[in-house]
Amino acid sequence: MRESMRRRIEFELKRNNMSQKDLATRLGVSEVTVSRWLNGERDPSIETLNRIADELGCATSAFFVTDDATDEKKAAGEKNGMSTGLKVTFGVILGLVIAAVAAGLLSKDEKDQLVDILKKDDGGN
């Protein structure tokens, strides 16, 4: 799971005054599973990300928007040939693609094609 996604989930847990255990219970998964997502050991499925967003009261696309508030993060983005605005746009578009798949508006093949295009535009990140 991308660092920005982990940070956003942790932020939303705090905002909702929820623990990892609370989220696990609501999703019907183990607390260890949630911990592994947040530690970067495992990634939740697209469907699970949508359920996490529902439980936390935020948009799925919020998990894909990077927060480039620090100079270090901005420098890393510029080093990769990408401005802050493009990173946010990439994250929003990717989130919308995932939401469209979950809503049945895009097939898995269409999603895969769009994600491949986005990854090329993102420099493979």
Protein backbone atom coordinates (compact mmCIF):
# COMPACT_ATOMS: atom_id res chain seq x y z
CA MET A 1 0.00 0.00 0.00
CA ARG A 2 1.34 3.44 -0.85
CA GLU A 3 2.51 5.53 2.08
CA SER A 4 -0.04 8.25 1.26
CA MET A 5 -2.83 5.68 1.44
CA ARG A 6 -1.67 4.36 4.81
CA ARG A 7 -1.40 7.89 6.20
CA ARG A 8 -4.89 8.76 4.93
CA ILE A 9 -6.45 5.65 6.49
CA GLU A 10 -4.70 6.41 9.79
CA PHE A 11 -5.92 10.02 9.58
CA GLU A 12 -9.50 8.90 8.89
CA LEU A 13 -9.36 6.41 11.77
CA LYS A 14 -8.36 9.22 14.13
CA ARG A 15 -10.94 11.60 12.65
CA ASN A 16 -13.64 8.99 13.26
CA ASN A 17 -12.27 8.11 16.70
CA MET A 18 -11.87 4.50 15.55
CA SER A 19 -9.20 1.96 16.32
CA GLN A 20 -7.76 -0.60 13.93
CA LYS A 21 -9.81 -3.16 15.86
CA ASP A 22 -13.01 -1.15 15.26
CA LEU A 23 -12.31 -1.02 11.53
CA ALA A 24 -11.48 -4.72 11.44
CA THR A 25 -14.77 -5.57 13.18
CA ARG A 26 -16.79 -3.42 10.78
CA LEU A 27 -15.08 -4.97 7.76
CA GLY A 28 -15.29 -8.52 9.07
CA VAL A 29 -11.54 -9.05 8.95
CA SER A 30 -8.99 -9.68 11.67
CA GLU A 31 -7.18 -6.90 13.47
CA VAL A 32 -3.94 -8.47 12.19
CA THR A 33 -5.15 -7.96 8.61
CA VAL A 34 -5.75 -4.25 9.20
CA SER A 35 -2.37 -3.98 10.91
CA ARG A 36 -0.67 -5.63 7.92
CA TRP A 37 -2.34 -3.14 5.56
CA LEU A 38 -1.14 -0.21 7.64
CA ASN A 39 2.36 -1.65 8.03
CA GLY A 40 2.66 -2.15 4.28
CA GLU A 41 2.90 -5.93 4.51
CA ARG A 42 -0.32 -6.50 2.52
CA ASP A 43 -2.61 -4.51 0.26
CA PRO A 44 -6.39 -4.50 0.57
CA SER A 45 -8.35 -5.37 -2.56
CA ILE A 46 -10.11 -2.66 -4.52
CA GLU A 47 -13.43 -3.83 -3.13
CA THR A 48 -12.03 -3.68 0.40
CA LEU A 49 -10.69 -0.17 -0.19
CA ASN A 50 -14.19 0.89 -1.16
CA ARG A 51 -15.56 -0.69 2.02
CA ILE A 52 -12.86 1.04 4.10
CA ALA A 53 -13.83 4.37 2.53
CA ASP A 54 -17.50 3.71 3.31
CA GLU A 55 -16.74 2.85 6.93
CA LEU A 56 -14.51 5.90 7.34
CA GLY A 57 -16.91 8.25 5.57
CA CYS A 58 -14.53 9.39 2.85
CA ALA A 59 -14.12 8.94 -0.88
CA THR A 60 -11.98 6.05 -2.12
CA SER A 61 -10.07 8.55 -4.25
CA ALA A 62 -8.89 10.26 -1.03
CA PHE A 63 -6.56 7.30 -0.47
CA PHE A 64 -4.71 8.12 -3.70
CA VAL A 65 -4.12 11.83 -3.25
CA THR A 66 -0.60 12.57 -2.08
CA ASP A 67 0.15 15.21 0.51
CA ASP A 68 3.24 17.06 -0.67
CA ALA A 69 3.31 19.58 2.16
CA THR A 70 6.99 19.16 2.97
CA ASP A 71 9.91 20.35 0.86
CA GLU A 72 11.39 16.85 1.00
CA LYS A 73 8.32 15.35 -0.59
CA LYS A 74 8.18 18.14 -3.19
CA ALA A 75 11.82 17.56 -4.06
CA ALA A 76 11.21 13.82 -4.46
CA GLY A 77 8.29 14.54 -6.79
CA GLU A 78 10.34 16.97 -8.88
CA LYS A 79 13.20 14.46 -8.98
CA ASN A 80 10.80 11.94 -10.50
CA GLY A 81 9.87 14.51 -13.13
CA MET A 82 6.46 15.15 -11.66
CA SER A 83 4.97 18.24 -10.13
CA THR A 84 2.75 18.20 -7.05
CA GLY A 85 -0.29 19.01 -9.17
CA LEU A 86 0.31 16.02 -11.41
CA LYS A 87 0.65 13.69 -8.43
CA VAL A 88 -2.68 14.85 -7.08
CA THR A 89 -4.27 14.48 -10.51
CA PHE A 90 -2.84 10.97 -10.89
CA GLY A 91 -4.18 9.97 -7.48
CA VAL A 92 -7.62 11.38 -8.15
CA ILE A 93 -7.87 9.72 -11.54
CA LEU A 94 -6.69 6.38 -10.17
CA GLY A 95 -9.22 6.64 -7.35
CA LEU A 96 -11.99 7.36 -9.82
CA VAL A 97 -10.96 4.39 -11.97
CA ILE A 98 -11.09 2.12 -8.93
CA ALA A 99 -14.47 3.52 -7.91
CA ALA A 100 -15.78 3.00 -11.45
CA VAL A 101 -14.68 -0.65 -11.38
CA ALA A 102 -16.35 -1.17 -8.00
CA ALA A 103 -19.55 0.42 -9.32
CA GLY A 104 -19.51 -1.88 -12.35
CA LEU A 105 -18.93 0.97 -14.81
CA LEU A 106 -15.61 -0.41 -16.03
CA SER A 107 -14.50 -3.95 -16.69
CA LYS A 108 -11.33 -5.31 -15.12
CA ASP A 109 -9.64 -5.20 -18.54
CA GLU A 110 -10.60 -1.54 -19.01
CA LYS A 111 -9.32 -0.77 -15.51
CA ASP A 112 -6.04 -2.57 -16.19
CA GLN A 113 -5.57 -0.60 -19.42
CA LEU A 114 -6.22 2.71 -17.68
CA VAL A 115 -3.95 1.86 -14.77
CA ASP A 116 -1.16 0.92 -17.21
CA ILE A 117 -1.56 4.28 -18.95
CA LEU A 118 -1.55 6.11 -15.64
CA LYS A 119 1.53 4.25 -14.44
CA LYS A 120 3.38 5.21 -17.63
CA ASP A 121 2.41 8.85 -17.05
CA ASP A 122 3.49 8.53 -13.41
CA GLY A 123 6.92 7.25 -14.37
CA GLY A 124 6.08 3.73 -13.13
CA ASN A 125 5.49 4.76 -9.52
